[in-house]
Amino acid sequence: MSIEQLKAEATALSDTDRKELIGYLLALGRKRTAEYWDRMKAKIEDRNPSHWVAEDDLDRALGLNSPEA
């Protein structure tokens, strides 16, 4: 399958499925080092609300609110 075919298929996905695909692709691109996962674990376990990212802010940072998303 070509990149153009993949793009066309991604365009046809529902918003929910597209967000799942984005998450999957981001995960593929992440380092698989112990250091990365230790940092990620600490962030997930962080109970301080001042360190949290609002869903709208995340969507904006990832460009998920734009018309072409």
PDB file of N, CA and C in Angstrom:
ATOM      1  N   MET A   1       0.854  -1.171   0.000  1.00  0.00           N
ATOM      2  CA  MET A   1       0.000   0.000   0.000  1.00  0.00           C
ATOM      3  C   MET A   1       0.905   1.241   0.000  1.00  0.00           C
ATOM      4  N   SER A   2       0.597   2.199  -0.823  1.00  0.00           N
ATOM      5  CA  SER A   2       1.411   3.420  -0.914  1.00  0.00           C
ATOM      6  C   SER A   2       1.037   4.405   0.195  1.00  0.00           C
ATOM      7  N   ILE A   3       1.893   5.375   0.397  1.00  0.00           N
ATOM      8  CA  ILE A   3       1.616   6.411   1.393  1.00  0.00           C
ATOM      9  C   ILE A   3       0.360   7.190   1.014  1.00  0.00           C
ATOM     10  N   GLU A   4       0.143   7.402  -0.269  1.00  0.00           N
ATOM     11  CA  GLU A   4      -1.058   8.113  -0.714  1.00  0.00           C
ATOM     12  C   GLU A   4      -2.322   7.311  -0.403  1.00  0.00           C
ATOM     13  N   GLN A   5      -2.252   6.004  -0.563  1.00  0.00           N
ATOM     14  CA  GLN A   5      -3.395   5.159  -0.211  1.00  0.00           C
ATOM     15  C   GLN A   5      -3.645   5.198   1.295  1.00  0.00           C
ATOM     16  N   LEU A   6      -2.583   5.167   2.073  1.00  0.00           N
ATOM     17  CA  LEU A   6      -2.719   5.243   3.525  1.00  0.00           C
ATOM     18  C   LEU A   6      -3.355   6.568   3.937  1.00  0.00           C
ATOM     19  N   LYS A   7      -2.921   7.656   3.306  1.00  0.00           N
ATOM     20  CA  LYS A   7      -3.488   8.966   3.605  1.00  0.00           C
ATOM     21  C   LYS A   7      -4.979   9.006   3.258  1.00  0.00           C
ATOM     22  N   ALA A   8      -5.337   8.436   2.126  1.00  0.00           N
ATOM     23  CA  ALA A   8      -6.747   8.416   1.716  1.00  0.00           C
ATOM     24  C   ALA A   8      -7.582   7.607   2.701  1.00  0.00           C
ATOM     25  N   GLU A   9      -7.055   6.473   3.123  1.00  0.00           N
ATOM     26  CA  GLU A   9      -7.763   5.644   4.093  1.00  0.00           C
ATOM     27  C   GLU A   9      -7.911   6.388   5.423  1.00  0.00           C
ATOM     28  N   ALA A  10      -6.841   7.077   5.869  1.00  0.00           N
ATOM     29  CA  ALA A  10      -6.889   7.818   7.123  1.00  0.00           C
ATOM     30  C   ALA A  10      -7.918   8.939   7.053  1.00  0.00           C
ATOM     31  N   THR A  11      -8.031   9.580   5.901  1.00  0.00           N
ATOM     32  CA  THR A  11      -9.002  10.654   5.717  1.00  0.00           C
ATOM     33  C   THR A  11     -10.431  10.149   5.875  1.00  0.00           C
ATOM     34  N   ALA A  12     -10.674   8.924   5.481  1.00  0.00           N
ATOM     35  CA  ALA A  12     -12.019   8.351   5.529  1.00  0.00           C
ATOM     36  C   ALA A  12     -12.403   7.834   6.917  1.00  0.00           C
ATOM     37  N   LEU A  13     -11.458   7.806   7.850  1.00  0.00           N
ATOM     38  CA  LEU A  13     -11.737   7.283   9.191  1.00  0.00           C
ATOM     39  C   LEU A  13     -12.640   8.224   9.979  1.00  0.00           C
ATOM     40  N   SER A  14     -13.384   7.653  10.924  1.00  0.00           N
ATOM     41  CA  SER A  14     -14.158   8.472  11.856  1.00  0.00           C
ATOM     42  C   SER A  14     -13.176   9.210  12.762  1.00  0.00           C
ATOM     43  N   ASP A  15     -13.661  10.241  13.440  1.00  0.00           N
ATOM     44  CA  ASP A  15     -12.794  10.988  14.352  1.00  0.00           C
ATOM     45  C   ASP A  15     -12.182  10.075  15.411  1.00  0.00           C
ATOM     46  N   THR A  16     -12.990   9.185  15.963  1.00  0.00           N
ATOM     47  CA  THR A  16     -12.507   8.269  16.998  1.00  0.00           C
ATOM     48  C   THR A  16     -11.420   7.358  16.458  1.00  0.00           C
ATOM     49  N   ASP A  17     -11.647   6.779  15.295  1.00  0.00           N
ATOM     50  CA  ASP A  17     -10.653   5.878  14.706  1.00  0.00           C
ATOM     51  C   ASP A  17      -9.384   6.638  14.310  1.00  0.00           C
ATOM     52  N   ARG A  18      -9.554   7.872  13.821  1.00  0.00           N
ATOM     53  CA  ARG A  18      -8.390   8.674  13.443  1.00  0.00           C
ATOM     54  C   ARG A  18      -7.538   8.992  14.660  1.00  0.00           C
ATOM     55  N   LYS A  19      -8.185   9.336  15.784  1.00  0.00           N
ATOM     56  CA  LYS A  19      -7.442   9.606  17.015  1.00  0.00           C
ATOM     57  C   LYS A  19      -6.708   8.360  17.491  1.00  0.00           C
ATOM     58  N   GLU A  20      -7.346   7.200  17.360  1.00  0.00           N
ATOM     59  CA  GLU A  20      -6.682   5.951  17.734  1.00  0.00           C
ATOM     60  C   GLU A  20      -5.469   5.704  16.845  1.00  0.00           C
ATOM     61  N   LEU A  21      -5.603   5.948  15.549  1.00  0.00           N
ATOM     62  CA  LEU A  21      -4.487   5.778  14.620  1.00  0.00           C
ATOM     63  C   LEU A  21      -3.346   6.742  14.956  1.00  0.00           C
ATOM     64  N   ILE A  22      -3.686   7.983  15.263  1.00  0.00           N
ATOM     65  CA  ILE A  22      -2.663   8.962  15.635  1.00  0.00           C
ATOM     66  C   ILE A  22      -1.900   8.472  16.859  1.00  0.00           C
ATOM     67  N   GLY A  23      -2.617   8.007  17.857  1.00  0.00           N
ATOM     68  CA  GLY A  23      -1.966   7.486  19.056  1.00  0.00           C
ATOM     69  C   GLY A  23      -1.057   6.320  18.750  1.00  0.00           C
ATOM     70  N   TYR A  24      -1.518   5.436  17.881  1.00  0.00           N
ATOM     71  CA  TYR A  24      -0.710   4.274  17.490  1.00  0.00           C
ATOM     72  C   TYR A  24       0.567   4.710  16.775  1.00  0.00           C
ATOM     73  N   LEU A  25       0.440   5.640  15.851  1.00  0.00           N
ATOM     74  CA  LEU A  25       1.611   6.118  15.105  1.00  0.00           C
ATOM     75  C   LEU A  25       2.587   6.863  16.009  1.00  0.00           C
ATOM     76  N   LEU A  26       2.054   7.637  16.945  1.00  0.00           N
ATOM     77  CA  LEU A  26       2.938   8.316  17.895  1.00  0.00           C
ATOM     78  C   LEU A  26       3.694   7.303  18.740  1.00  0.00           C
ATOM     79  N   ALA A  27       2.996   6.261  19.173  1.00  0.00           N
ATOM     80  CA  ALA A  27       3.643   5.231  19.982  1.00  0.00           C
ATOM     81  C   ALA A  27       4.749   4.531  19.196  1.00  0.00           C
ATOM     82  N   LEU A  28       4.529   4.314  17.899  1.00  0.00           N
ATOM     83  CA  LEU A  28       5.559   3.684  17.072  1.00  0.00           C
ATOM     84  C   LEU A  28       6.818   4.544  16.996  1.00  0.00           C
ATOM     85  N   GLY A  29       6.620   5.848  17.025  1.00  0.00           N
ATOM     86  CA  GLY A  29       7.751   6.751  16.882  1.00  0.00           C
ATOM     87  C   GLY A  29       8.520   7.014  18.171  1.00  0.00           C
ATOM     88  N   ARG A  30       7.987   6.574  19.276  1.00  0.00           N
ATOM     89  CA  ARG A  30       8.633   6.833  20.571  1.00  0.00           C
ATOM     90  C   ARG A  30       9.831   5.922  20.788  1.00  0.00           C
ATOM     91  N   LYS A  31      10.770   6.449  21.541  1.00  0.00           N
ATOM     92  CA  LYS A  31      11.917   5.633  21.934  1.00  0.00           C
ATOM     93  C   LYS A  31      11.425   4.522  22.848  1.00  0.00           C
ATOM     94  N   ARG A  32      12.043   3.380  22.721  1.00  0.00           N
ATOM     95  CA  ARG A  32      11.654   2.242  23.553  1.00  0.00           C
ATOM     96  C   ARG A  32      12.644   2.033  24.701  1.00  0.00           C
ATOM     97  N   THR A  33      13.295   3.104  25.113  1.00  0.00           N
ATOM     98  CA  THR A  33      14.310   2.984  26.147  1.00  0.00           C
ATOM     99  C   THR A  33      13.670   2.956  27.533  1.00  0.00           C
ATOM    100  N   ALA A  34      14.385   2.371  28.462  1.00  0.00           N
ATOM    101  CA  ALA A  34      13.909   2.329  29.841  1.00  0.00           C
ATOM    102  C   ALA A  34      13.737   3.737  30.398  1.00  0.00           C
ATOM    103  N   GLU A  35      14.638   4.644  30.047  1.00  0.00           N
ATOM    104  CA  GLU A  35      14.553   6.025  30.527  1.00  0.00           C
ATOM    105  C   GLU A  35      13.251   6.681  30.080  1.00  0.00           C
ATOM    106  N   TYR A  36      12.893   6.503  28.810  1.00  0.00           N
ATOM    107  CA  TYR A  36      11.661   7.084  28.292  1.00  0.00           C
ATOM    108  C   TYR A  36      10.461   6.553  29.069  1.00  0.00           C
ATOM    109  N   TRP A  37      10.398   5.242  29.246  1.00  0.00           N
ATOM    110  CA  TRP A  37       9.245   4.644  29.911  1.00  0.00           C
ATOM    111  C   TRP A  37       9.214   4.984  31.393  1.00  0.00           C
ATOM    112  N   ASP A  38      10.372   5.164  32.025  1.00  0.00           N
ATOM    113  CA  ASP A  38      10.406   5.614  33.419  1.00  0.00           C
ATOM    114  C   ASP A  38       9.826   7.016  33.532  1.00  0.00           C
ATOM    115  N   ARG A  39      10.201   7.906  32.600  1.00  0.00           N
ATOM    116  CA  ARG A  39       9.662   9.264  32.590  1.00  0.00           C
ATOM    117  C   ARG A  39       8.155   9.252  32.309  1.00  0.00           C
ATOM    118  N   MET A  40       7.733   8.410  31.358  1.00  0.00           N
ATOM    119  CA  MET A  40       6.315   8.315  31.032  1.00  0.00           C
ATOM    120  C   MET A  40       5.510   7.811  32.231  1.00  0.00           C
ATOM    121  N   LYS A  41       6.017   6.811  32.920  1.00  0.00           N
ATOM    122  CA  LYS A  41       5.346   6.260  34.099  1.00  0.00           C
ATOM    123  C   LYS A  41       5.184   7.342  35.160  1.00  0.00           C
ATOM    124  N   ALA A  42       6.221   8.121  35.382  1.00  0.00           N
ATOM    125  CA  ALA A  42       6.155   9.195  36.370  1.00  0.00           C
ATOM    126  C   ALA A  42       5.093  10.224  35.983  1.00  0.00           C
ATOM    127  N   LYS A  43       5.002  10.541  34.716  1.00  0.00           N
ATOM    128  CA  LYS A  43       4.001  11.512  34.259  1.00  0.00           C
ATOM    129  C   LYS A  43       2.587  10.957  34.425  1.00  0.00           C
ATOM    130  N   ILE A  44       2.397   9.692  34.105  1.00  0.00           N
ATOM    131  CA  ILE A  44       1.076   9.062  34.230  1.00  0.00           C
ATOM    132  C   ILE A  44       0.648   9.015  35.693  1.00  0.00           C
ATOM    133  N   GLU A  45       1.591   8.752  36.576  1.00  0.00           N
ATOM    134  CA  GLU A  45       1.285   8.626  37.999  1.00  0.00           C
ATOM    135  C   GLU A  45       1.228   9.970  38.725  1.00  0.00           C
ATOM    136  N   ASP A  46       1.579  11.052  38.051  1.00  0.00           N
ATOM    137  CA  ASP A  46       1.571  12.385  38.650  1.00  0.00           C
ATOM    138  C   ASP A  46       0.139  12.775  39.014  1.00  0.00           C
ATOM    139  N   ARG A  47      -0.120  12.996  40.281  1.00  0.00           N
ATOM    140  CA  ARG A  47      -1.466  13.332  40.757  1.00  0.00           C
ATOM    141  C   ARG A  47      -1.663  14.839  40.929  1.00  0.00           C
ATOM    142  N   ASN A  48      -0.667  15.640  40.559  1.00  0.00           N
ATOM    143  CA  ASN A  48      -0.757  17.081  40.710  1.00  0.00           C
ATOM    144  C   ASN A  48      -1.486  17.677  39.508  1.00  0.00           C
ATOM    145  N   PRO A  49      -2.708  18.167  39.693  1.00  0.00           N
ATOM    146  CA  PRO A  49      -3.478  18.716  38.568  1.00  0.00           C
ATOM    147  C   PRO A  49      -2.784  19.849  37.826  1.00  0.00           C
ATOM    148  N   SER A  50      -1.879  20.560  38.486  1.00  0.00           N
ATOM    149  CA  SER A  50      -1.198  21.660  37.792  1.00  0.00           C
ATOM    150  C   SER A  50      -0.242  21.134  36.721  1.00  0.00           C
ATOM    151  N   HIS A  51       0.057  19.855  36.742  1.00  0.00           N
ATOM    152  CA  HIS A  51       0.934  19.246  35.736  1.00  0.00           C
ATOM    153  C   HIS A  51       0.154  18.565  34.610  1.00  0.00           C
ATOM    154  N   TRP A  52      -1.155  18.521  34.723  1.00  0.00           N
ATOM    155  CA  TRP A  52      -1.973  17.844  33.726  1.00  0.00           C
ATOM    156  C   TRP A  52      -2.168  18.722  32.500  1.00  0.00           C
ATOM    157  N   VAL A  53      -2.465  18.084  31.373  1.00  0.00           N
ATOM    158  CA  VAL A  53      -2.754  18.791  30.125  1.00  0.00           C
ATOM    159  C   VAL A  53      -4.238  18.595  29.823  1.00  0.00           C
ATOM    160  N   ALA A  54      -4.925  19.694  29.594  1.00  0.00           N
ATOM    161  CA  ALA A  54      -6.344  19.614  29.246  1.00  0.00           C
ATOM    162  C   ALA A  54      -6.500  18.978  27.868  1.00  0.00           C
ATOM    163  N   GLU A  55      -7.570  18.227  27.694  1.00  0.00           N
ATOM    164  CA  GLU A  55      -7.808  17.549  26.417  1.00  0.00           C
ATOM    165  C   GLU A  55      -7.850  18.542  25.256  1.00  0.00           C
ATOM    166  N   ASP A  56      -8.487  19.690  25.458  1.00  0.00           N
ATOM    167  CA  ASP A  56      -8.548  20.698  24.389  1.00  0.00           C
ATOM    168  C   ASP A  56      -7.160  21.211  24.030  1.00  0.00           C
ATOM    169  N   ASP A  57      -6.309  21.397  25.054  1.00  0.00           N
ATOM    170  CA  ASP A  57      -4.936  21.853  24.795  1.00  0.00           C
ATOM    171  C   ASP A  57      -4.160  20.804  24.005  1.00  0.00           C
ATOM    172  N   LEU A  58      -4.351  19.542  24.347  1.00  0.00           N
ATOM    173  CA  LEU A  58      -3.672  18.466  23.630  1.00  0.00           C
ATOM    174  C   LEU A  58      -4.153  18.403  22.178  1.00  0.00           C
ATOM    175  N   ASP A  59      -5.464  18.477  21.991  1.00  0.00           N
ATOM    176  CA  ASP A  59      -6.011  18.474  20.631  1.00  0.00           C
ATOM    177  C   ASP A  59      -5.443  19.634  19.815  1.00  0.00           C
ATOM    178  N   ARG A  60      -5.360  20.806  20.443  1.00  0.00           N
ATOM    179  CA  ARG A  60      -4.818  21.977  19.747  1.00  0.00           C
ATOM    180  C   ARG A  60      -3.342  21.774  19.416  1.00  0.00           C
ATOM    181  N   ALA A  61      -2.585  21.256  20.356  1.00  0.00           N
ATOM    182  CA  ALA A  61      -1.144  21.025  20.139  1.00  0.00           C
ATOM    183  C   ALA A  61      -0.909  20.009  19.029  1.00  0.00           C
ATOM    184  N   LEU A  62      -1.795  19.032  18.919  1.00  0.00           N
ATOM    185  CA  LEU A  62      -1.653  18.001  17.879  1.00  0.00           C
ATOM    186  C   LEU A  62      -2.360  18.380  16.580  1.00  0.00           C
ATOM    187  N   GLY A  63      -3.011  19.535  16.577  1.00  0.00           N
ATOM    188  CA  GLY A  63      -3.708  19.977  15.371  1.00  0.00           C
ATOM    189  C   GLY A  63      -4.994  19.216  15.109  1.00  0.00           C
ATOM    190  N   LEU A  64      -5.579  18.647  16.159  1.00  0.00           N
ATOM    191  CA  LEU A  64      -6.790  17.852  15.967  1.00  0.00           C
ATOM    192  C   LEU A  64      -8.046  18.690  15.855  1.00  0.00           C
ATOM    193  N   ASN A  65      -7.947  19.981  16.139  1.00  0.00           N
ATOM    194  CA  ASN A  65      -9.101  20.865  16.023  1.00  0.00           C
ATOM    195  C   ASN A  65      -9.158  21.562  14.679  1.00  0.00           C
ATOM    196  N   SER A  66      -8.150  21.346  13.856  1.00  0.00           N
ATOM    197  CA  SER A  66      -8.135  22.022  12.562  1.00  0.00           C
ATOM    198  C   SER A  66      -9.049  21.289  11.574  1.00  0.00           C
ATOM    199  N   PRO A  67      -9.559  21.988  10.568  1.00  0.00           N
ATOM    200  CA  PRO A  67     -10.491  21.389   9.601  1.00  0.00           C
ATOM    201  C   PRO A  67      -9.945  20.158   8.888  1.00  0.00           C
ATOM    202  N   GLU A  68      -8.642  20.114   8.635  1.00  0.00           N
ATOM    203  CA  GLU A  68      -8.093  18.978   7.904  1.00  0.00           C
ATOM    204  C   GLU A  68      -7.794  17.791   8.809  1.00  0.00           C
ATOM    205  N   ALA A  69      -8.005  17.918  10.113  1.00  0.00           N
ATOM    206  CA  ALA A  69      -7.734  16.813  11.060  1.00  0.00           C
ATOM    207  C   ALA A  69      -8.798  15.768  10.974  1.00  0.00           C
TER     208      ALA A  69
END
